[in-house]
N, C-alpha and C. Protein backbone atom coordinates (compact mmCIF):
# COMPACT_ATOMS: atom_id res chain seq x y z
N MET A 1 -47.73 68.54 -3.29
CA MET A 1 -48.38 69.66 -3.92
C MET A 1 -47.48 70.12 -5.06
N ASP A 2 -48.07 70.56 -6.15
CA ASP A 2 -47.32 71.03 -7.29
C ASP A 2 -46.61 72.32 -6.93
N ALA A 3 -45.30 72.28 -6.90
CA ALA A 3 -44.53 73.46 -6.54
C ALA A 3 -44.66 74.56 -7.58
N GLY A 4 -45.19 74.25 -8.78
CA GLY A 4 -45.33 75.24 -9.82
C GLY A 4 -46.60 76.08 -9.71
N GLY A 5 -47.43 75.82 -8.72
CA GLY A 5 -48.68 76.55 -8.59
C GLY A 5 -48.45 77.98 -8.12
N SER A 6 -49.26 78.90 -8.66
CA SER A 6 -49.16 80.28 -8.23
C SER A 6 -49.85 80.44 -6.87
N LEU A 7 -49.61 81.55 -6.23
CA LEU A 7 -50.26 81.83 -4.95
C LEU A 7 -51.77 81.84 -5.12
N ASP A 8 -52.27 82.39 -6.22
CA ASP A 8 -53.71 82.38 -6.48
C ASP A 8 -54.24 80.96 -6.64
N ASP A 9 -53.47 80.08 -7.32
CA ASP A 9 -53.87 78.68 -7.47
C ASP A 9 -53.95 78.00 -6.10
N ILE A 10 -52.98 78.27 -5.25
CA ILE A 10 -52.95 77.65 -3.92
C ILE A 10 -54.12 78.15 -3.08
N ARG A 11 -54.41 79.44 -3.14
CA ARG A 11 -55.57 79.97 -2.41
C ARG A 11 -56.86 79.31 -2.88
N ARG A 12 -57.03 79.18 -4.17
CA ARG A 12 -58.25 78.56 -4.73
C ARG A 12 -58.34 77.10 -4.29
N MET A 13 -57.22 76.38 -4.33
CA MET A 13 -57.20 74.98 -3.90
C MET A 13 -57.64 74.87 -2.44
N LEU A 14 -57.11 75.74 -1.59
CA LEU A 14 -57.46 75.70 -0.17
C LEU A 14 -58.92 76.05 0.07
N GLU A 15 -59.46 76.98 -0.69
CA GLU A 15 -60.87 77.35 -0.55
C GLU A 15 -61.80 76.18 -0.84
N HIS A 16 -61.36 75.26 -1.68
CA HIS A 16 -62.20 74.14 -2.09
C HIS A 16 -61.76 72.82 -1.49
N THR A 17 -61.01 72.89 -0.42
CA THR A 17 -60.59 71.69 0.31
C THR A 17 -61.50 71.52 1.52
N ASP A 18 -61.98 70.30 1.75
CA ASP A 18 -62.91 70.05 2.85
C ASP A 18 -62.26 70.25 4.21
N ILE A 19 -61.10 69.66 4.41
CA ILE A 19 -60.41 69.74 5.70
C ILE A 19 -58.95 70.06 5.45
N THR A 20 -58.45 71.08 6.11
CA THR A 20 -57.06 71.49 6.00
C THR A 20 -56.45 71.47 7.40
N LEU A 21 -55.29 70.85 7.51
CA LEU A 21 -54.61 70.75 8.80
C LEU A 21 -53.21 71.30 8.69
N GLY A 22 -52.78 72.02 9.69
CA GLY A 22 -51.42 72.52 9.72
C GLY A 22 -50.88 72.52 11.13
N LEU A 23 -49.60 72.33 11.24
CA LEU A 23 -48.91 72.43 12.52
C LEU A 23 -47.84 73.50 12.38
N CYS A 24 -47.83 74.43 13.32
CA CYS A 24 -46.88 75.54 13.28
C CYS A 24 -45.89 75.41 14.44
N GLU A 25 -44.69 75.92 14.23
CA GLU A 25 -43.71 75.97 15.31
C GLU A 25 -44.17 77.01 16.33
N ARG A 26 -44.11 76.66 17.60
CA ARG A 26 -44.56 77.58 18.65
C ARG A 26 -43.77 78.90 18.66
N ALA A 27 -42.48 78.80 18.56
CA ALA A 27 -41.64 79.98 18.70
C ALA A 27 -41.78 80.96 17.54
N THR A 28 -41.91 80.44 16.33
CA THR A 28 -41.87 81.31 15.15
C THR A 28 -43.23 81.46 14.47
N GLY A 29 -44.14 80.52 14.70
CA GLY A 29 -45.41 80.53 14.00
C GLY A 29 -45.29 80.03 12.57
N ARG A 30 -44.12 79.58 12.20
CA ARG A 30 -43.86 79.07 10.85
C ARG A 30 -44.54 77.72 10.64
N LEU A 31 -45.16 77.53 9.47
CA LEU A 31 -45.81 76.26 9.15
C LEU A 31 -44.76 75.16 9.07
N ALA A 32 -44.94 74.10 9.87
CA ALA A 32 -43.98 73.00 9.92
C ALA A 32 -44.51 71.75 9.24
N ALA A 33 -45.84 71.57 9.23
CA ALA A 33 -46.43 70.39 8.61
C ALA A 33 -47.83 70.75 8.12
N PHE A 34 -48.27 70.06 7.09
CA PHE A 34 -49.52 70.39 6.42
C PHE A 34 -50.11 69.14 5.79
N ALA A 35 -51.44 69.08 5.73
CA ALA A 35 -52.14 68.05 4.97
C ALA A 35 -53.55 68.55 4.68
N ARG A 36 -54.19 67.93 3.71
CA ARG A 36 -55.56 68.29 3.38
C ARG A 36 -56.33 67.04 3.00
N VAL A 37 -57.66 67.11 3.14
CA VAL A 37 -58.52 65.97 2.86
C VAL A 37 -59.71 66.44 2.03
N LEU A 38 -60.02 65.70 0.99
CA LEU A 38 -61.25 65.86 0.23
C LEU A 38 -62.11 64.65 0.57
N THR A 39 -63.38 64.89 0.89
CA THR A 39 -64.19 63.78 1.38
C THR A 39 -65.68 64.00 1.14
N ASP A 40 -66.41 62.88 1.06
CA ASP A 40 -67.88 62.94 1.08
C ASP A 40 -68.39 62.65 2.49
N ARG A 41 -67.48 62.40 3.42
CA ARG A 41 -67.73 62.16 4.84
C ARG A 41 -68.45 60.84 5.14
N VAL A 42 -68.59 59.98 4.13
CA VAL A 42 -69.20 58.68 4.34
C VAL A 42 -68.36 57.57 3.70
N PHE A 43 -68.19 57.63 2.40
CA PHE A 43 -67.54 56.54 1.69
C PHE A 43 -66.04 56.74 1.49
N LYS A 44 -65.63 57.95 1.11
CA LYS A 44 -64.24 58.17 0.74
C LYS A 44 -63.67 59.42 1.40
N GLY A 45 -62.42 59.30 1.78
CA GLY A 45 -61.63 60.44 2.20
C GLY A 45 -60.30 60.34 1.49
N PHE A 46 -59.98 61.32 0.68
CA PHE A 46 -58.71 61.34 -0.04
C PHE A 46 -57.76 62.29 0.67
N ILE A 47 -56.64 61.74 1.11
CA ILE A 47 -55.64 62.52 1.83
C ILE A 47 -54.62 63.00 0.81
N PHE A 48 -54.38 64.31 0.82
CA PHE A 48 -53.44 64.92 -0.12
C PHE A 48 -52.41 65.75 0.62
N ASP A 49 -51.25 65.86 0.01
CA ASP A 49 -50.24 66.83 0.40
C ASP A 49 -49.81 66.74 1.86
N VAL A 50 -49.55 65.53 2.33
CA VAL A 50 -48.97 65.41 3.68
C VAL A 50 -47.51 65.85 3.53
N ILE A 51 -47.23 67.03 4.06
CA ILE A 51 -45.92 67.64 3.87
C ILE A 51 -45.36 68.05 5.23
N VAL A 52 -44.12 67.64 5.49
CA VAL A 52 -43.42 68.10 6.69
C VAL A 52 -42.16 68.83 6.21
N ASP A 53 -41.99 70.06 6.69
CA ASP A 53 -40.82 70.86 6.33
C ASP A 53 -39.57 70.03 6.62
N PRO A 54 -38.65 69.94 5.67
CA PRO A 54 -37.43 69.14 5.89
C PRO A 54 -36.70 69.50 7.18
N ALA A 55 -36.71 70.76 7.57
CA ALA A 55 -36.03 71.18 8.80
C ALA A 55 -36.73 70.67 10.06
N CYS A 56 -37.98 70.21 9.92
CA CYS A 56 -38.76 69.77 11.07
C CYS A 56 -38.98 68.26 11.10
N ARG A 57 -38.40 67.55 10.18
CA ARG A 57 -38.60 66.09 10.13
C ARG A 57 -37.90 65.41 11.29
N GLY A 58 -38.44 64.24 11.66
CA GLY A 58 -37.87 63.50 12.78
C GLY A 58 -38.46 63.90 14.12
N ARG A 59 -39.45 64.76 14.12
CA ARG A 59 -40.10 65.21 15.37
C ARG A 59 -41.48 64.60 15.57
N GLY A 60 -41.88 63.70 14.68
CA GLY A 60 -43.19 63.07 14.82
C GLY A 60 -44.34 63.89 14.26
N LEU A 61 -44.04 64.93 13.48
CA LEU A 61 -45.10 65.77 12.96
C LEU A 61 -45.97 65.05 11.93
N GLY A 62 -45.38 64.18 11.13
CA GLY A 62 -46.16 63.38 10.19
C GLY A 62 -47.16 62.50 10.94
N ASN A 63 -46.72 61.91 12.04
CA ASN A 63 -47.62 61.10 12.87
C ASN A 63 -48.74 61.95 13.46
N ARG A 64 -48.41 63.15 13.92
CA ARG A 64 -49.43 64.03 14.50
C ARG A 64 -50.47 64.44 13.45
N ILE A 65 -50.01 64.71 12.23
CA ILE A 65 -50.94 65.07 11.16
C ILE A 65 -51.86 63.88 10.84
N MET A 66 -51.30 62.69 10.74
CA MET A 66 -52.12 61.50 10.44
C MET A 66 -53.10 61.21 11.58
N GLU A 67 -52.67 61.36 12.82
CA GLU A 67 -53.58 61.20 13.96
C GLU A 67 -54.73 62.19 13.88
N ALA A 68 -54.41 63.43 13.52
CA ALA A 68 -55.44 64.47 13.42
C ALA A 68 -56.43 64.15 12.31
N ILE A 69 -55.95 63.64 11.19
CA ILE A 69 -56.84 63.28 10.09
C ILE A 69 -57.73 62.11 10.48
N LEU A 70 -57.12 61.02 10.89
CA LEU A 70 -57.88 59.80 11.16
C LEU A 70 -58.76 59.92 12.40
N GLY A 71 -58.47 60.88 13.28
CA GLY A 71 -59.28 61.11 14.47
C GLY A 71 -60.23 62.29 14.34
N HIS A 72 -60.26 62.91 13.18
CA HIS A 72 -61.10 64.10 12.98
C HIS A 72 -62.58 63.72 13.07
N PRO A 73 -63.37 64.44 13.86
CA PRO A 73 -64.79 64.08 14.03
C PRO A 73 -65.59 64.10 12.73
N ASP A 74 -65.25 64.98 11.79
CA ASP A 74 -65.97 65.01 10.51
C ASP A 74 -65.66 63.82 9.63
N LEU A 75 -64.64 63.05 9.99
CA LEU A 75 -64.23 61.90 9.20
C LEU A 75 -64.51 60.58 9.89
N ALA A 76 -65.19 60.62 11.02
CA ALA A 76 -65.40 59.43 11.84
C ALA A 76 -66.14 58.32 11.11
N ARG A 77 -67.03 58.66 10.17
CA ARG A 77 -67.83 57.65 9.47
C ARG A 77 -67.23 57.23 8.12
N VAL A 78 -66.11 57.81 7.73
CA VAL A 78 -65.53 57.50 6.42
C VAL A 78 -65.07 56.05 6.38
N ARG A 79 -65.51 55.33 5.36
CA ARG A 79 -65.18 53.90 5.22
C ARG A 79 -63.79 53.64 4.65
N HIS A 80 -63.39 54.43 3.66
CA HIS A 80 -62.10 54.21 3.01
C HIS A 80 -61.33 55.53 2.93
N PHE A 81 -60.12 55.50 3.46
CA PHE A 81 -59.20 56.61 3.26
C PHE A 81 -58.21 56.19 2.19
N GLU A 82 -57.95 57.08 1.27
CA GLU A 82 -57.02 56.79 0.20
C GLU A 82 -56.03 57.93 0.06
N LEU A 83 -54.87 57.59 -0.46
CA LEU A 83 -53.85 58.58 -0.72
C LEU A 83 -52.92 58.04 -1.78
N TYR A 84 -52.12 58.91 -2.33
CA TYR A 84 -51.05 58.44 -3.18
C TYR A 84 -49.75 58.99 -2.62
N CYS A 85 -48.69 58.21 -2.82
CA CYS A 85 -47.40 58.62 -2.29
C CYS A 85 -46.29 57.94 -3.07
N ARG A 86 -45.10 58.41 -2.84
CA ARG A 86 -43.93 57.79 -3.45
C ARG A 86 -43.59 56.50 -2.71
N PRO A 87 -42.97 55.55 -3.40
CA PRO A 87 -42.63 54.26 -2.77
C PRO A 87 -41.85 54.38 -1.47
N GLU A 88 -40.99 55.37 -1.34
CA GLU A 88 -40.20 55.49 -0.11
C GLU A 88 -41.06 55.84 1.10
N MET A 89 -42.29 56.28 0.85
CA MET A 89 -43.20 56.61 1.95
C MET A 89 -44.11 55.43 2.33
N PHE A 90 -44.06 54.33 1.58
CA PHE A 90 -44.91 53.17 1.89
C PHE A 90 -44.77 52.72 3.34
N PRO A 91 -43.56 52.57 3.90
CA PRO A 91 -43.45 52.11 5.29
C PRO A 91 -44.17 53.03 6.28
N PHE A 92 -44.09 54.34 6.07
CA PHE A 92 -44.77 55.27 6.96
C PHE A 92 -46.28 55.04 6.92
N TYR A 93 -46.86 54.98 5.74
CA TYR A 93 -48.31 54.83 5.63
C TYR A 93 -48.79 53.42 5.99
N ARG A 94 -47.96 52.42 5.80
CA ARG A 94 -48.34 51.06 6.22
C ARG A 94 -48.58 51.02 7.73
N ARG A 95 -47.81 51.80 8.49
CA ARG A 95 -48.00 51.84 9.95
C ARG A 95 -49.39 52.33 10.30
N TRP A 96 -50.02 53.08 9.40
CA TRP A 96 -51.36 53.62 9.62
C TRP A 96 -52.43 52.73 9.00
N GLY A 97 -52.04 51.54 8.52
CA GLY A 97 -53.01 50.60 7.96
C GLY A 97 -53.24 50.74 6.46
N PHE A 98 -52.48 51.59 5.79
CA PHE A 98 -52.63 51.73 4.34
C PHE A 98 -51.89 50.61 3.64
N THR A 99 -52.41 50.20 2.51
CA THR A 99 -51.78 49.16 1.72
C THR A 99 -51.84 49.54 0.25
N GLU A 100 -50.89 49.05 -0.51
CA GLU A 100 -50.93 49.28 -1.95
C GLU A 100 -51.79 48.24 -2.67
N ASP A 101 -52.37 47.31 -1.92
CA ASP A 101 -53.27 46.31 -2.48
C ASP A 101 -54.67 46.91 -2.57
N VAL A 102 -54.99 47.46 -3.72
CA VAL A 102 -56.30 48.08 -3.92
C VAL A 102 -57.07 47.37 -5.03
N GLY A 103 -56.81 46.07 -5.16
CA GLY A 103 -57.51 45.30 -6.18
C GLY A 103 -57.05 45.72 -7.56
N GLU A 104 -57.99 45.88 -8.45
CA GLU A 104 -57.68 46.21 -9.83
C GLU A 104 -57.75 47.72 -10.11
N ILE A 105 -57.84 48.52 -9.06
CA ILE A 105 -57.92 49.96 -9.24
C ILE A 105 -56.56 50.51 -9.64
N LEU A 106 -56.55 51.35 -10.64
CA LEU A 106 -55.33 52.01 -11.10
C LEU A 106 -55.53 53.51 -11.07
N LEU A 107 -54.46 54.22 -10.82
CA LEU A 107 -54.49 55.67 -10.87
C LEU A 107 -54.45 56.10 -12.33
N MET A 108 -55.35 57.00 -12.68
CA MET A 108 -55.36 57.58 -14.02
C MET A 108 -55.23 59.08 -13.88
N ARG A 109 -54.66 59.72 -14.87
CA ARG A 109 -54.48 61.17 -14.82
C ARG A 109 -54.72 61.77 -16.19
N ARG A 110 -55.37 62.89 -16.19
CA ARG A 110 -55.54 63.71 -17.39
C ARG A 110 -54.97 65.08 -17.05
N THR A 111 -54.05 65.54 -17.84
CA THR A 111 -53.47 66.86 -17.63
C THR A 111 -54.05 67.80 -18.66
N ALA A 112 -54.79 68.79 -18.19
CA ALA A 112 -55.41 69.76 -19.07
C ALA A 112 -54.51 70.98 -19.24
N PRO A 113 -54.54 71.57 -20.41
CA PRO A 113 -53.81 72.84 -20.55
C PRO A 113 -54.39 73.86 -19.57
N PRO A 114 -53.59 74.79 -19.08
CA PRO A 114 -54.10 75.78 -18.12
C PRO A 114 -55.36 76.47 -18.63
N GLY A 115 -56.41 76.43 -17.81
CA GLY A 115 -57.66 77.10 -18.14
C GLY A 115 -58.52 76.38 -19.16
N ARG A 116 -58.15 75.15 -19.53
CA ARG A 116 -58.91 74.43 -20.56
C ARG A 116 -59.17 73.02 -20.09
N ASN A 117 -60.36 72.76 -19.56
CA ASN A 117 -60.68 71.45 -19.03
C ASN A 117 -61.71 70.69 -19.83
N SER A 118 -62.28 71.30 -20.85
CA SER A 118 -63.33 70.66 -21.62
C SER A 118 -62.90 70.50 -23.07
N PRO A 119 -63.19 69.36 -23.68
CA PRO A 119 -62.87 69.21 -25.11
C PRO A 119 -63.58 70.28 -25.95
N LYS A 120 -64.70 70.81 -25.45
CA LYS A 120 -65.43 71.86 -26.18
C LYS A 120 -64.62 73.14 -26.25
N ASP A 121 -63.63 73.30 -25.37
CA ASP A 121 -62.81 74.52 -25.35
C ASP A 121 -61.81 74.55 -26.51
N GLU A 122 -61.59 73.40 -27.14
CA GLU A 122 -60.56 73.33 -28.19
C GLU A 122 -61.07 73.81 -29.51
């Protein structure tokens, strides 16, 4: 997740996310792990922001989040789950059946100035 986002940006993002998952520490209630999914519930599920608090890593929370996503009843019919991650995370996601072999598909990005998403705005 973009650490530069304002609290209002994060609230808006969460309002428009199909599925949001979080794991909290029992003793403190502090958020320890988080992920979100955007999906059409049939063809595609895009997994975003799988984040485990550095202080909580090594406890299997990433595995619990992935189990919750892939076992979620609203996602049972999804044919393709996709995500993007840094190369050092490839081994973790490969254990879940993800591969970087996606044929000729490439990631593309357009960065719009804040509040300006249409060429007509210029």
